Amino acid sequence: MSSGRGGRGGRGGNRHDSQPRTVLVSKALSRLLRHAAVQERIPIDKHGYIRIDHLLGWQRLRSMKPPVTFDEVVDVVQDNEKKRFALKFVTEEINPEHADVPASTSEGAQADTETEAETETETQRAISQFEALRSDNDIDTKKFFIRATQGHSMKAVEAENLLTPITLDDEASIPDAVVHGTFYGAWEPILESGGLKPMSRNHVHFATGPSMDEVQQHTVPGETTKGGLGSVLGKNKVISGMRSDAQILIYVDIRRALIEEKEMKWWRSENGVILTEGVGEKDKIVPTKYFSAAYEIKEGVGKVWEDGKVVKELPENLRSRPLPRGKGVGGQRGRGRGGGRGQ
């Protein structure tokens, strides 16, 4: 079976056709793999894997002009700077509706979890296999699988099968910085609610940078920072776990949380995003008592939170700004189809 080439680099051919086709394909993959597979009745296993033939048969991809091909899917996986997707090749046909995809295909290993490096290797191996089979015009899409590396809201996808735990027993697993990016309109509701909530996702998302030192060096009180987070990050403006247009950075003391909240589990996703469900019987939350600091990074306000209290109020003109599309209180899901934009 040949995947064909059709449509690479073109436009989408629908109501969103002002966006590049690759962006439309990426957004469609994010929606299905993170939020909508069960709703769309596409078989998905507990690891989050969907078989490529099932993916390409999904109405949303088939309805694009021309229909999305396997080549385009591979391009999106390769080109995504945040490594939102992982691929896998298996030697035997598997139906995710009835059996789980092996966590690793390397030398027949059947481990339940993968490290970030192992996942990247699996993806590279799958792409190499795809390239080899394509040259022979012999691609069997029933042997290729794809999943989102994080950001799931489907309960059918079990976090422990996707993520690496962060624990006090493994000192190397604890990141130096745990940072949540949010927006002016969400800041006061976050404080009023007592902390960060997963909202419609399974977890609250954090990045591992920039460090507080980097933020302090690039945010001068009273001076607008051109480029916001991008200016802080310098040349590397892509950071997994945070939108590049974040206006406020919240730093969480993960070590203290691990010590004091045994029930608050922390994880690292395959693409380096730090995740937690929070703590609580019903509505889980990352309490504000674990906020070590928070910085406004665009308009020169600087530090707004430190040591458990507000140290500077946001000006009214910032507090009244609407949230960007796709963002809700707590910096998670808001408006938009499929739960809004991904991280």
C-alpha atoms as a PDB file:
ATOM      1  CA  MET A   1       0.000   0.000   0.000  1.00  0.00           C
ATOM      2  CA  SER A   2       1.437   3.344  -0.994  1.00  0.00           C
ATOM      3  CA  SER A   3       0.822   6.467   1.022  1.00  0.00           C
ATOM      4  CA  GLY A   4       1.120   8.883  -1.873  1.00  0.00           C
ATOM      5  CA  ARG A   5       2.190  12.488  -1.660  1.00  0.00           C
ATOM      6  CA  GLY A   6      -0.771  14.832  -2.211  1.00  0.00           C
ATOM      7  CA  GLY A   7      -1.268  18.211  -0.731  1.00  0.00           C
ATOM      8  CA  ARG A   8       1.978  18.923   1.097  1.00  0.00           C
ATOM      9  CA  GLY A   9       2.542  22.569   1.875  1.00  0.00           C
ATOM     10  CA  GLY A  10      -0.793  23.654   0.415  1.00  0.00           C
ATOM     11  CA  ARG A  11      -3.888  25.110   2.011  1.00  0.00           C
ATOM     12  CA  GLY A  12      -6.605  23.228   3.762  1.00  0.00           C
ATOM     13  CA  GLY A  13      -9.515  23.655   1.397  1.00  0.00           C
ATOM     14  CA  ASN A  14     -12.071  24.432   4.141  1.00  0.00           C
ATOM     15  CA  ARG A  15     -13.261  27.310   6.324  1.00  0.00           C
ATOM     16  CA  HIS A  16      -9.785  27.505   7.935  1.00  0.00           C
ATOM     17  CA  ASP A  17      -8.005  27.641   4.584  1.00  0.00           C
ATOM     18  CA  SER A  18      -6.169  30.840   5.516  1.00  0.00           C
ATOM     19  CA  GLN A  19      -3.895  28.596   7.587  1.00  0.00           C
ATOM     20  CA  PRO A  20      -1.161  26.425   6.049  1.00  0.00           C
ATOM     21  CA  ARG A  21      -2.245  22.869   5.427  1.00  0.00           C
ATOM     22  CA  THR A  22       0.467  21.521   7.748  1.00  0.00           C
ATOM     23  CA  VAL A  23      -0.997  23.581  10.600  1.00  0.00           C
ATOM     24  CA  LEU A  24      -4.481  22.234   9.892  1.00  0.00           C
ATOM     25  CA  VAL A  25      -3.193  18.664   9.857  1.00  0.00           C
ATOM     26  CA  SER A  26      -1.288  19.188  13.112  1.00  0.00           C
ATOM     27  CA  LYS A  27      -4.343  20.679  14.824  1.00  0.00           C
ATOM     28  CA  ALA A  28      -6.517  17.830  13.605  1.00  0.00           C
ATOM     29  CA  LEU A  29      -4.037  15.262  14.937  1.00  0.00           C
ATOM     30  CA  SER A  30      -3.886  17.036  18.304  1.00  0.00           C
ATOM     31  CA  ARG A  31      -7.648  17.081  18.616  1.00  0.00           C
ATOM     32  CA  LEU A  32      -8.111  13.416  17.752  1.00  0.00           C
ATOM     33  CA  LEU A  33      -5.145  12.000  19.669  1.00  0.00           C
ATOM     34  CA  ARG A  34      -5.603  14.124  22.790  1.00  0.00           C
ATOM     35  CA  HIS A  35      -9.338  14.593  23.088  1.00  0.00           C
ATOM     36  CA  ALA A  36     -11.643  13.071  20.499  1.00  0.00           C
ATOM     37  CA  ALA A  37     -10.696   9.491  19.528  1.00  0.00           C
ATOM     38  CA  VAL A  38     -13.345   7.901  21.748  1.00  0.00           C
ATOM     39  CA  GLN A  39     -15.981  10.406  20.651  1.00  0.00           C
ATOM     40  CA  GLU A  40     -15.083   9.831  16.992  1.00  0.00           C
ATOM     41  CA  ARG A  41     -15.094   6.046  17.529  1.00  0.00           C
ATOM     42  CA  ILE A  42     -11.502   5.656  16.409  1.00  0.00           C
ATOM     43  CA  PRO A  43      -9.877   2.694  18.250  1.00  0.00           C
ATOM     44  CA  ILE A  44      -7.271   3.899  20.762  1.00  0.00           C
ATOM     45  CA  ASP A  45      -5.358   1.846  23.329  1.00  0.00           C
ATOM     46  CA  LYS A  46      -4.411   2.730  26.902  1.00  0.00           C
ATOM     47  CA  HIS A  47      -1.016   3.999  25.714  1.00  0.00           C
ATOM     48  CA  GLY A  48      -2.782   6.530  23.465  1.00  0.00           C
ATOM     49  CA  TYR A  49      -1.908   4.792  20.187  1.00  0.00           C
ATOM     50  CA  ILE A  50      -4.087   4.935  17.075  1.00  0.00           C
ATOM     51  CA  ARG A  51      -3.349   2.837  14.010  1.00  0.00           C
ATOM     52  CA  ILE A  52      -2.403   4.906  10.965  1.00  0.00           C
ATOM     53  CA  ASP A  53      -5.002   3.351   8.664  1.00  0.00           C
ATOM     54  CA  HIS A  54      -7.677   4.263  11.212  1.00  0.00           C
ATOM     55  CA  LEU A  55      -6.240   7.779  11.442  1.00  0.00           C
ATOM     56  CA  LEU A  56      -6.233   8.300   7.675  1.00  0.00           C
ATOM     57  CA  GLY A  57      -9.785   6.955   7.521  1.00  0.00           C
ATOM     58  CA  TRP A  58     -11.024   9.609   9.946  1.00  0.00           C
ATOM     59  CA  GLN A  59     -13.601  11.818   8.240  1.00  0.00           C
ATOM     60  CA  ARG A  60     -11.885  15.089   9.147  1.00  0.00           C
ATOM     61  CA  LEU A  61      -8.665  14.064   7.370  1.00  0.00           C
ATOM     62  CA  ARG A  62     -10.450  12.396   4.455  1.00  0.00           C
ATOM     63  CA  SER A  63     -12.546  15.521   3.852  1.00  0.00           C
ATOM     64  CA  MET A  64      -9.525  17.772   3.335  1.00  0.00           C
ATOM     65  CA  LYS A  65      -8.759  18.561  -0.318  1.00  0.00           C
ATOM     66  CA  PRO A  66      -6.884  16.391  -1.194  1.00  0.00           C
ATOM     67  CA  PRO A  67      -7.245  13.838   1.634  1.00  0.00           C
ATOM     68  CA  VAL A  68      -4.367  13.751   4.112  1.00  0.00           C
ATOM     69  CA  THR A  69      -1.678  11.160   3.354  1.00  0.00           C
ATOM     70  CA  PHE A  70       0.711   9.197   5.553  1.00  0.00           C
ATOM     71  CA  ASP A  71       3.559  11.278   4.130  1.00  0.00           C
ATOM     72  CA  GLU A  72       1.957  14.411   5.524  1.00  0.00           C
ATOM     73  CA  VAL A  73       1.471  12.810   8.928  1.00  0.00           C
ATOM     74  CA  VAL A  74       5.154  11.845   9.031  1.00  0.00           C
ATOM     75  CA  ASP A  75       6.116  15.388   8.021  1.00  0.00           C
ATOM     76  CA  VAL A  76       4.043  16.834  10.871  1.00  0.00           C
ATOM     77  CA  VAL A  77       5.645  14.458  13.381  1.00  0.00           C
ATOM     78  CA  GLN A  78       9.151  15.310  12.171  1.00  0.00           C
ATOM     79  CA  ASP A  79       8.641  19.062  11.895  1.00  0.00           C
ATOM     80  CA  ASN A  80       6.816  19.676  15.171  1.00  0.00           C
ATOM     81  CA  GLU A  81       9.299  21.575  17.334  1.00  0.00           C
ATOM     82  CA  LYS A  82       7.567  20.624  20.574  1.00  0.00           C
ATOM     83  CA  LYS A  83       7.577  16.905  19.681  1.00  0.00           C
ATOM     84  CA  ARG A  84       3.839  16.617  20.277  1.00  0.00           C
ATOM     85  CA  PHE A  85       3.545  13.276  18.473  1.00  0.00           C
ATOM     86  CA  ALA A  86       5.271   9.891  18.581  1.00  0.00           C
ATOM     87  CA  LEU A  87       5.275   7.143  15.938  1.00  0.00           C
ATOM     88  CA  LYS A  88       5.782   3.415  16.284  1.00  0.00           C
ATOM     89  CA  PHE A  89       6.213   0.531  13.851  1.00  0.00           C
ATOM     90  CA  VAL A  90       5.265  -3.035  14.805  1.00  0.00           C
ATOM     91  CA  THR A  91       6.020  -6.177  12.868  1.00  0.00           C
ATOM     92  CA  GLU A  92       2.596  -7.733  13.387  1.00  0.00           C
ATOM     93  CA  GLU A  93      -0.792  -6.201  12.725  1.00  0.00           C
ATOM     94  CA  ILE A  94      -2.506  -5.053  15.955  1.00  0.00           C
ATOM     95  CA  ASN A  95      -5.982  -3.618  16.469  1.00  0.00           C
ATOM     96  CA  PRO A  96      -5.933  -1.117  19.373  1.00  0.00           C
ATOM     97  CA  GLU A  97      -9.616  -1.828  19.968  1.00  0.00           C
ATOM     98  CA  HIS A  98      -8.740  -5.333  21.162  1.00  0.00           C
ATOM     99  CA  ALA A  99      -5.076  -5.203  22.221  1.00  0.00           C
ATOM    100  CA  ASP A 100      -2.517  -2.646  23.349  1.00  0.00           C
ATOM    101  CA  VAL A 101       0.442  -1.653  21.223  1.00  0.00           C
ATOM    102  CA  PRO A 102       3.705  -2.856  22.832  1.00  0.00           C
ATOM    103  CA  ALA A 103       5.368  -0.003  24.715  1.00  0.00           C
ATOM    104  CA  SER A 104       8.630  -0.784  22.941  1.00  0.00           C
ATOM    105  CA  THR A 105       9.406  -2.691  19.775  1.00  0.00           C
ATOM    106  CA  SER A 106      13.145  -2.727  20.380  1.00  0.00           C
ATOM    107  CA  GLU A 107      14.353  -6.328  20.557  1.00  0.00           C
ATOM    108  CA  GLY A 108      10.860  -7.448  21.533  1.00  0.00           C
ATOM    109  CA  ALA A 109      10.827  -5.458  24.778  1.00  0.00           C
ATOM    110  CA  GLN A 110       7.413  -5.161  26.387  1.00  0.00           C
ATOM    111  CA  ALA A 111       8.022  -2.550  29.074  1.00  0.00           C
ATOM    112  CA  ASP A 112       5.018  -0.558  30.280  1.00  0.00           C
ATOM    113  CA  THR A 113       6.724   2.829  30.093  1.00  0.00           C
ATOM    114  CA  GLU A 114       9.287   4.520  27.896  1.00  0.00           C
ATOM    115  CA  THR A 115      11.890   7.144  28.592  1.00  0.00           C
ATOM    116  CA  GLU A 116      11.983  10.286  26.484  1.00  0.00           C
ATOM    117  CA  ALA A 117      15.058   9.011  24.630  1.00  0.00           C
ATOM    118  CA  GLU A 118      13.461   5.618  23.972  1.00  0.00           C
ATOM    119  CA  THR A 119      10.341   7.259  22.578  1.00  0.00           C
ATOM    120  CA  GLU A 120      12.380   9.456  20.262  1.00  0.00           C
ATOM    121  CA  THR A 121      14.273   6.369  19.108  1.00  0.00           C
ATOM    122  CA  GLU A 122      10.986   4.544  18.480  1.00  0.00           C
ATOM    123  CA  THR A 123       9.766   7.471  16.400  1.00  0.00           C
ATOM    124  CA  GLN A 124      13.021   7.626  14.454  1.00  0.00           C
ATOM    125  CA  ARG A 125      12.887   3.877  13.882  1.00  0.00           C
ATOM    126  CA  ALA A 126       9.314   4.124  12.615  1.00  0.00           C
ATOM    127  CA  ILE A 127      10.220   6.967  10.254  1.00  0.00           C
ATOM    128  CA  SER A 128      13.219   5.018   8.935  1.00  0.00           C
ATOM    129  CA  GLN A 129      10.975   2.006   8.360  1.00  0.00           C
ATOM    130  CA  PHE A 130       8.448   4.229   6.605  1.00  0.00           C
ATOM    131  CA  GLU A 131      11.126   5.666   4.304  1.00  0.00           C
ATOM    132  CA  ALA A 132      12.485   2.210   3.454  1.00  0.00           C
ATOM    133  CA  LEU A 133       9.058   0.756   2.718  1.00  0.00           C
ATOM    134  CA  ARG A 134       7.996   3.806   0.733  1.00  0.00           C
ATOM    135  CA  SER A 135      10.943   3.381  -1.602  1.00  0.00           C
ATOM    136  CA  ASP A 136       9.648  -0.135  -2.276  1.00  0.00           C
ATOM    137  CA  ASN A 137       6.056   1.117  -2.551  1.00  0.00           C
ATOM    138  CA  ASP A 138       5.154  -1.400   0.155  1.00  0.00           C
ATOM    139  CA  ILE A 139       3.755   0.522   3.150  1.00  0.00           C
ATOM    140  CA  ASP A 140       1.254  -1.311   5.340  1.00  0.00           C
ATOM    141  CA  THR A 141      -0.405   1.390   7.452  1.00  0.00           C
ATOM    142  CA  LYS A 142      -1.830  -1.283   9.760  1.00  0.00           C
ATOM    143  CA  LYS A 143       1.671  -1.708  11.226  1.00  0.00           C
ATOM    144  CA  PHE A 144       2.241   1.977  12.021  1.00  0.00           C
ATOM    145  CA  PHE A 145       0.832   3.780  15.048  1.00  0.00           C
ATOM    146  CA  ILE A 146       0.752   7.364  16.300  1.00  0.00           C
ATOM    147  CA  ARG A 147       0.003   8.996  19.625  1.00  0.00           C
ATOM    148  CA  ALA A 148       0.142  12.407  21.289  1.00  0.00           C
ATOM    149  CA  THR A 149       2.984  12.638  23.792  1.00  0.00           C
ATOM    150  CA  GLN A 150       0.912  14.571  26.363  1.00  0.00           C
ATOM    151  CA  GLY A 151      -2.163  16.763  26.802  1.00  0.00           C
ATOM    152  CA  HIS A 152      -4.815  14.029  26.900  1.00  0.00           C
ATOM    153  CA  SER A 153      -8.302  14.601  28.265  1.00  0.00           C
ATOM    154  CA  MET A 154      -9.581  11.085  27.470  1.00  0.00           C
ATOM    155  CA  LYS A 155      -9.819   8.871  30.536  1.00  0.00           C
ATOM    156  CA  ALA A 156      -9.248   5.829  28.307  1.00  0.00           C
ATOM    157  CA  VAL A 157      -5.599   6.893  28.024  1.00  0.00           C
ATOM    158  CA  GLU A 158      -3.779   6.028  31.260  1.00  0.00           C
ATOM    159  CA  ALA A 159      -1.119   8.545  32.288  1.00  0.00           C
ATOM    160  CA  GLU A 160       1.226   6.003  33.827  1.00  0.00           C
ATOM    161  CA  ASN A 161       1.574   4.326  30.440  1.00  0.00           C
ATOM    162  CA  LEU A 162       2.753   7.556  28.817  1.00  0.00           C
ATOM    163  CA  LEU A 163       4.747   9.325  31.491  1.00  0.00           C
ATOM    164  CA  THR A 164       7.881   8.987  33.606  1.00  0.00           C
ATOM    165  CA  PRO A 165       7.258   9.542  37.334  1.00  0.00           C
ATOM    166  CA  ILE A 166       9.136  12.272  39.202  1.00  0.00           C
ATOM    167  CA  THR A 167       9.956  11.167  42.745  1.00  0.00           C
ATOM    168  CA  LEU A 168      12.157  12.063  45.696  1.00  0.00           C
ATOM    169  CA  ASP A 169      13.719   8.610  45.385  1.00  0.00           C
ATOM    170  CA  ASP A 170      15.071   9.557  41.961  1.00  0.00           C
ATOM    171  CA  GLU A 171      16.872  12.852  42.512  1.00  0.00           C
ATOM    172  CA  ALA A 172      17.800  13.134  38.847  1.00  0.00           C
ATOM    173  CA  SER A 173      14.132  13.103  37.864  1.00  0.00           C
ATOM    174  CA  ILE A 174      13.382  16.371  39.707  1.00  0.00           C
ATOM    175  CA  PRO A 175      13.727  19.401  37.406  1.00  0.00           C
ATOM    176  CA  ASP A 176      15.462  22.568  38.580  1.00  0.00           C
ATOM    177  CA  ALA A 177      12.560  24.730  37.419  1.00  0.00           C
ATOM    178  CA  VAL A 178       8.848  23.993  37.094  1.00  0.00           C
ATOM    179  CA  VAL A 179       7.037  26.855  35.369  1.00  0.00           C
ATOM    180  CA  HIS A 180       3.419  27.368  34.329  1.00  0.00           C
ATOM    181  CA  GLY A 181       2.640  30.047  31.748  1.00  0.00           C
ATOM    182  CA  THR A 182      -0.676  31.853  32.037  1.00  0.00           C
ATOM    183  CA  PHE A 183      -2.422  35.087  31.042  1.00  0.00           C
ATOM    184  CA  TYR A 184      -3.526  38.346  32.612  1.00  0.00           C
ATOM    185  CA  GLY A 185      -7.209  37.440  32.592  1.00  0.00           C
ATOM    186  CA  ALA A 186      -6.547  34.146  34.376  1.00  0.00           C
ATOM    187  CA  TRP A 187      -4.233  35.411  37.122  1.00  0.00           C
ATOM    188  CA  GLU A 188      -6.821  36.667  39.637  1.00  0.00           C
ATOM    189  CA  PRO A 189      -9.184  33.700  39.097  1.00  0.00           C
ATOM    190  CA  ILE A 190      -6.232  31.367  39.747  1.00  0.00           C
ATOM    191  CA  LEU A 191      -5.547  33.079  43.065  1.00  0.00           C
ATOM    192  CA  GLU A 192      -9.246  33.211  43.988  1.00  0.00           C
ATOM    193  CA  SER A 193      -9.673  29.490  43.286  1.00  0.00           C
ATOM    194  CA  GLY A 194      -6.639  28.627  45.396  1.00  0.00           C
ATOM    195  CA  GLY A 195      -4.313  27.423  42.657  1.00  0.00           C
ATOM    196  CA  LEU A 196      -3.930  25.764  39.267  1.00  0.00           C
ATOM    197  CA  LYS A 197      -6.487  23.214  38.073  1.00  0.00           C
ATOM    198  CA  PRO A 198      -6.340  20.693  35.212  1.00  0.00           C
ATOM    199  CA  MET A 199      -9.720  21.966  33.951  1.00  0.00           C
ATOM    200  CA  SER A 200     -10.861  19.647  31.136  1.00  0.00           C
ATOM    201  CA  ARG A 201      -7.425  18.060  30.743  1.00  0.00           C
ATOM    202  CA  ASN A 202      -6.029  15.226  32.808  1.00  0.00           C
ATOM    203  CA  HIS A 203      -3.139  17.333  34.137  1.00  0.00           C
ATOM    204  CA  VAL A 204      -1.820  20.821  34.779  1.00  0.00           C
ATOM    205  CA  HIS A 205       1.082  21.454  32.384  1.00  0.00           C
ATOM    206  CA  PHE A 206       4.465  22.953  33.279  1.00  0.00           C
ATOM    207  CA  ALA A 207       7.683  23.726  31.430  1.00  0.00           C
ATOM    208  CA  THR A 208      11.195  23.293  32.823  1.00  0.00           C
ATOM    209  CA  GLY A 209      12.283  26.816  31.964  1.00  0.00           C
ATOM    210  CA  PRO A 210      13.135  29.583  31.716  1.00  0.00           C
ATOM    211  CA  SER A 211      14.831  29.813  35.092  1.00  0.00           C
ATOM    212  CA  MET A 212      13.947  32.622  37.495  1.00  0.00           C
ATOM    213  CA  ASP A 213      17.424  34.070  36.955  1.00  0.00           C
ATOM    214  CA  GLU A 214      16.790  34.300  33.211  1.00  0.00           C
ATOM    215  CA  VAL A 215      13.452  36.012  33.778  1.00  0.00           C
ATOM    216  CA  GLN A 216      14.926  38.503  36.240  1.00  0.00           C
ATOM    217  CA  GLN A 217      17.687  39.386  33.785  1.00  0.00           C
ATOM    218  CA  HIS A 218      15.236  40.101  30.969  1.00  0.00           C
ATOM    219  CA  THR A 219      12.396  41.816  32.834  1.00  0.00           C
ATOM    220  CA  VAL A 220      13.129  45.365  33.964  1.00  0.00           C
ATOM    221  CA  PRO A 221      10.416  46.920  36.189  1.00  0.00           C
ATOM    222  CA  GLY A 222       8.627  49.690  34.327  1.00  0.00           C
ATOM    223  CA  GLU A 223       9.940  48.687  30.908  1.00  0.00           C
ATOM    224  CA  THR A 224       7.960  46.814  28.279  1.00  0.00           C
ATOM    225  CA  THR A 225       9.744  43.649  27.140  1.00  0.00           C
ATOM    226  CA  LYS A 226       9.568  43.263  23.382  1.00  0.00           C
ATOM    227  CA  GLY A 227       8.949  39.665  22.423  1.00  0.00           C
ATOM    228  CA  GLY A 228       7.835  38.571  25.895  1.00  0.00           C
ATOM    229  CA  LEU A 229       8.807  34.982  26.566  1.00  0.00           C
ATOM    230  CA  GLY A 230      10.711  34.823  23.274  1.00  0.00           C
ATOM    231  CA  SER A 231      13.133  37.494  24.449  1.00  0.00           C
ATOM    232  CA  VAL A 232      13.721  35.578  27.682  1.00  0.00           C
ATOM    233  CA  LEU A 233      14.417  32.332  25.864  1.00  0.00           C
ATOM    234  CA  GLY A 234      16.694  33.974  23.297  1.00  0.00           C
ATOM    235  CA  LYS A 235      17.316  31.940  20.158  1.00  0.00           C
ATOM    236  CA  ASN A 236      15.457  28.910  21.505  1.00  0.00           C
ATOM    237  CA  LYS A 237      11.917  30.272  21.431  1.00  0.00           C
ATOM    238  CA  VAL A 238      10.235  26.876  21.561  1.00  0.00           C
ATOM    239  CA  ILE A 239       9.542  25.455  25.003  1.00  0.00           C
ATOM    240  CA  SER A 240       7.416  22.374  25.571  1.00  0.00           C
ATOM    241  CA  GLY A 241       4.704  22.832  28.171  1.00  0.00           C
ATOM    242  CA  MET A 242       4.101  26.541  27.647  1.00  0.00           C
ATOM    243  CA  ARG A 243       2.595  28.779  25.000  1.00  0.00           C
ATOM    244  CA  SER A 244       5.025  31.325  23.587  1.00  0.00           C
ATOM    245  CA  ASP A 245       2.522  34.138  24.216  1.00  0.00           C
ATOM    246  CA  ALA A 246       2.345  33.516  27.983  1.00  0.00           C
ATOM    247  CA  GLN A 247       2.140  36.777  29.935  1.00  0.00           C
ATOM    248  CA  ILE A 248       2.718  35.548  33.486  1.00  0.00           C
ATOM    249  CA  LEU A 249       5.094  32.785  34.596  1.00  0.00           C
ATOM    250  CA  ILE A 250       4.259  30.890  37.795  1.00  0.00           C
ATOM    251  CA  TYR A 251       7.129  29.014  39.450  1.00  0.00           C
ATOM    252  CA  VAL A 252       6.177  25.997  41.555  1.00  0.00           C
ATOM    253  CA  ASP A 253       8.333  24.481  44.297  1.00  0.00           C
ATOM    254  CA  ILE A 254       8.074  20.888  43.118  1.00  0.00           C
ATOM    255  CA  ARG A 255      10.468  19.576  45.743  1.00  0.00           C
ATOM    256  CA  ARG A 256       8.348  20.983  48.575  1.00  0.00           C
ATOM    257  CA  ALA A 257       5.203  19.607  46.940  1.00  0.00           C
ATOM    258  CA  LEU A 258       6.768  16.144  46.677  1.00  0.00           C
ATOM    259  CA  ILE A 259       7.717  16.243  50.364  1.00  0.00           C
ATOM    260  CA  GLU A 260       4.436  17.592  51.730  1.00  0.00           C
ATOM    261  CA  GLU A 261       1.837  16.126  49.366  1.00  0.00           C
ATOM    262  CA  LYS A 262       2.376  12.395  48.985  1.00  0.00           C
ATOM    263  CA  GLU A 263      -0.849  12.124  46.998  1.00  0.00           C
ATOM    264  CA  MET A 264       0.214  14.731  44.434  1.00  0.00           C
ATOM    265  CA  LYS A 265       1.904  12.706  41.701  1.00  0.00           C
ATOM    266  CA  TRP A 266       4.287  14.388  39.285  1.00  0.00           C
ATOM    267  CA  TRP A 267       5.306  13.156  35.843  1.00  0.00           C
ATOM    268  CA  ARG A 268       7.498  14.041  32.871  1.00  0.00           C
ATOM    269  CA  SER A 269       6.042  13.477  29.415  1.00  0.00           C
ATOM    270  CA  GLU A 270       7.971  12.110  26.453  1.00  0.00           C
ATOM    271  CA  ASN A 271       8.535  15.622  25.093  1.00  0.00           C
ATOM    272  CA  GLY A 272       9.703  17.022  28.426  1.00  0.00           C
ATOM    273  CA  VAL A 273       6.500  18.577  29.776  1.00  0.00           C
ATOM    274  CA  ILE A 274       6.044  18.358  33.562  1.00  0.00           C
ATOM    275  CA  LEU A 275       2.562  17.236  34.575  1.00  0.00           C
ATOM    276  CA  THR A 276       0.487  16.757  37.709  1.00  0.00           C
ATOM    277  CA  GLU A 277      -3.173  16.146  38.439  1.00  0.00           C
ATOM    278  CA  GLY A 278      -2.815  18.215  41.605  1.00  0.00           C
ATOM    279  CA  VAL A 279      -4.216  17.175  44.961  1.00  0.00           C
ATOM    280  CA  GLY A 280      -7.717  16.954  46.416  1.00  0.00           C
ATOM    281  CA  GLU A 281     -10.578  14.544  46.847  1.00  0.00           C
ATOM    282  CA  LYS A 282     -12.768  15.858  44.031  1.00  0.00           C
ATOM    283  CA  ASP A 283     -11.552  19.003  42.276  1.00  0.00           C
ATOM    284  CA  LYS A 284      -7.802  18.530  42.123  1.00  0.00           C
ATOM    285  CA  ILE A 285      -5.569  21.582  42.353  1.00  0.00           C
ATOM    286  CA  VAL A 286      -1.940  22.692  42.641  1.00  0.00           C
ATOM    287  CA  PRO A 287      -2.307  24.952  45.711  1.00  0.00           C
ATOM    288  CA  THR A 288      -0.911  28.477  45.710  1.00  0.00           C
ATOM    289  CA  LYS A 289       1.167  27.633  48.784  1.00  0.00           C
ATOM    290  CA  TYR A 290       3.542  25.864  46.381  1.00  0.00           C
ATOM    291  CA  PHE A 291       3.925  28.962  44.178  1.00  0.00           C
ATOM    292  CA  SER A 292       7.459  30.125  44.925  1.00  0.00           C
ATOM    293  CA  ALA A 293       7.203  33.178  42.647  1.00  0.00           C
ATOM    294  CA  ALA A 294       5.325  34.618  39.680  1.00  0.00           C
ATOM    295  CA  TYR A 295       6.467  37.189  37.125  1.00  0.00           C
ATOM    296  CA  GLU A 296       4.665  39.372  34.617  1.00  0.00           C
ATOM    297  CA  ILE A 297       7.051  39.300  31.655  1.00  0.00           C
ATOM    298  CA  LYS A 298       5.708  41.651  28.974  1.00  0.00           C
ATOM    299  CA  GLU A 299       4.679  45.026  30.372  1.00  0.00           C
ATOM    300  CA  GLY A 300       7.354  45.748  32.956  1.00  0.00           C
ATOM    301  CA  VAL A 301       5.359  44.796  36.055  1.00  0.00           C
ATOM    302  CA  GLY A 302       7.910  42.190  37.102  1.00  0.00           C
ATOM    303  CA  LYS A 303       7.443  40.027  40.193  1.00  0.00           C
ATOM    304  CA  VAL A 304       3.791  39.748  41.273  1.00  0.00           C
ATOM    305  CA  TRP A 305       3.974  36.852  43.769  1.00  0.00           C
ATOM    306  CA  GLU A 306       6.542  35.640  46.257  1.00  0.00           C
ATOM    307  CA  ASP A 307       6.564  33.477  49.399  1.00  0.00           C
ATOM    308  CA  GLY A 308       2.832  32.827  49.503  1.00  0.00           C
ATOM    309  CA  LYS A 309       1.490  36.309  48.828  1.00  0.00           C
ATOM    310  CA  VAL A 310       0.878  38.919  46.163  1.00  0.00           C
ATOM    311  CA  VAL A 311       3.735  41.435  46.127  1.00  0.00           C
ATOM    312  CA  LYS A 312       2.433  43.601  43.278  1.00  0.00           C
ATOM    313  CA  GLU A 313      -1.031  43.963  41.781  1.00  0.00           C
ATOM    314  CA  LEU A 314      -1.560  43.820  38.042  1.00  0.00           C
ATOM    315  CA  PRO A 315      -2.677  47.193  36.640  1.00  0.00           C
ATOM    316  CA  GLU A 316      -6.356  47.359  35.694  1.00  0.00           C
ATOM    317  CA  ASN A 317      -5.547  47.667  31.987  1.00  0.00           C
ATOM    318  CA  LEU A 318      -3.855  44.237  32.152  1.00  0.00           C
ATOM    319  CA  ARG A 319      -6.410  42.551  34.425  1.00  0.00           C
ATOM    320  CA  SER A 320      -9.197  43.476  32.026  1.00  0.00           C
ATOM    321  CA  ARG A 321      -7.555  41.984  28.948  1.00  0.00           C
ATOM    322  CA  PRO A 322      -9.493  38.996  27.555  1.00  0.00           C
ATOM    323  CA  LEU A 323      -7.962  35.547  27.547  1.00  0.00           C
ATOM    324  CA  PRO A 324      -6.479  34.339  24.244  1.00  0.00           C
ATOM    325  CA  ARG A 325      -8.656  31.917  22.341  1.00  0.00           C
ATOM    326  CA  GLY A 326      -8.382  28.403  23.734  1.00  0.00           C
ATOM    327  CA  LYS A 327      -7.303  29.367  27.259  1.00  0.00           C
ATOM    328  CA  GLY A 328      -9.393  29.074  30.396  1.00  0.00           C
ATOM    329  CA  VAL A 329      -8.962  29.834  34.070  1.00  0.00           C
ATOM    330  CA  GLY A 330      -5.918  28.074  35.429  1.00  0.00           C
ATOM    331  CA  GLY A 331      -4.113  28.412  32.120  1.00  0.00           C
ATOM    332  CA  GLN A 332      -5.713  25.299  30.675  1.00  0.00           C
ATOM    333  CA  ARG A 333      -8.626  24.672  28.376  1.00  0.00           C
ATOM    334  CA  GLY A 334     -10.955  27.392  27.222  1.00  0.00           C
ATOM    335  CA  ARG A 335     -12.913  28.208  24.114  1.00  0.00           C
ATOM    336  CA  GLY A 336     -12.495  26.439  20.842  1.00  0.00           C
ATOM    337  CA  ARG A 337     -13.319  23.060  19.363  1.00  0.00           C
ATOM    338  CA  GLY A 338     -11.741  20.021  20.899  1.00  0.00           C
ATOM    339  CA  GLY A 339     -10.877  21.845  24.098  1.00  0.00           C
ATOM    340  CA  GLY A 340      -9.021  24.739  22.503  1.00  0.00           C
ATOM    341  CA  ARG A 341      -5.403  24.989  21.557  1.00  0.00           C
ATOM    342  CA  GLY A 342      -2.787  22.560  22.727  1.00  0.00           C
ATOM    343  CA  GLN A 343       0.263  23.351  24.737  1.00  0.00           C
END
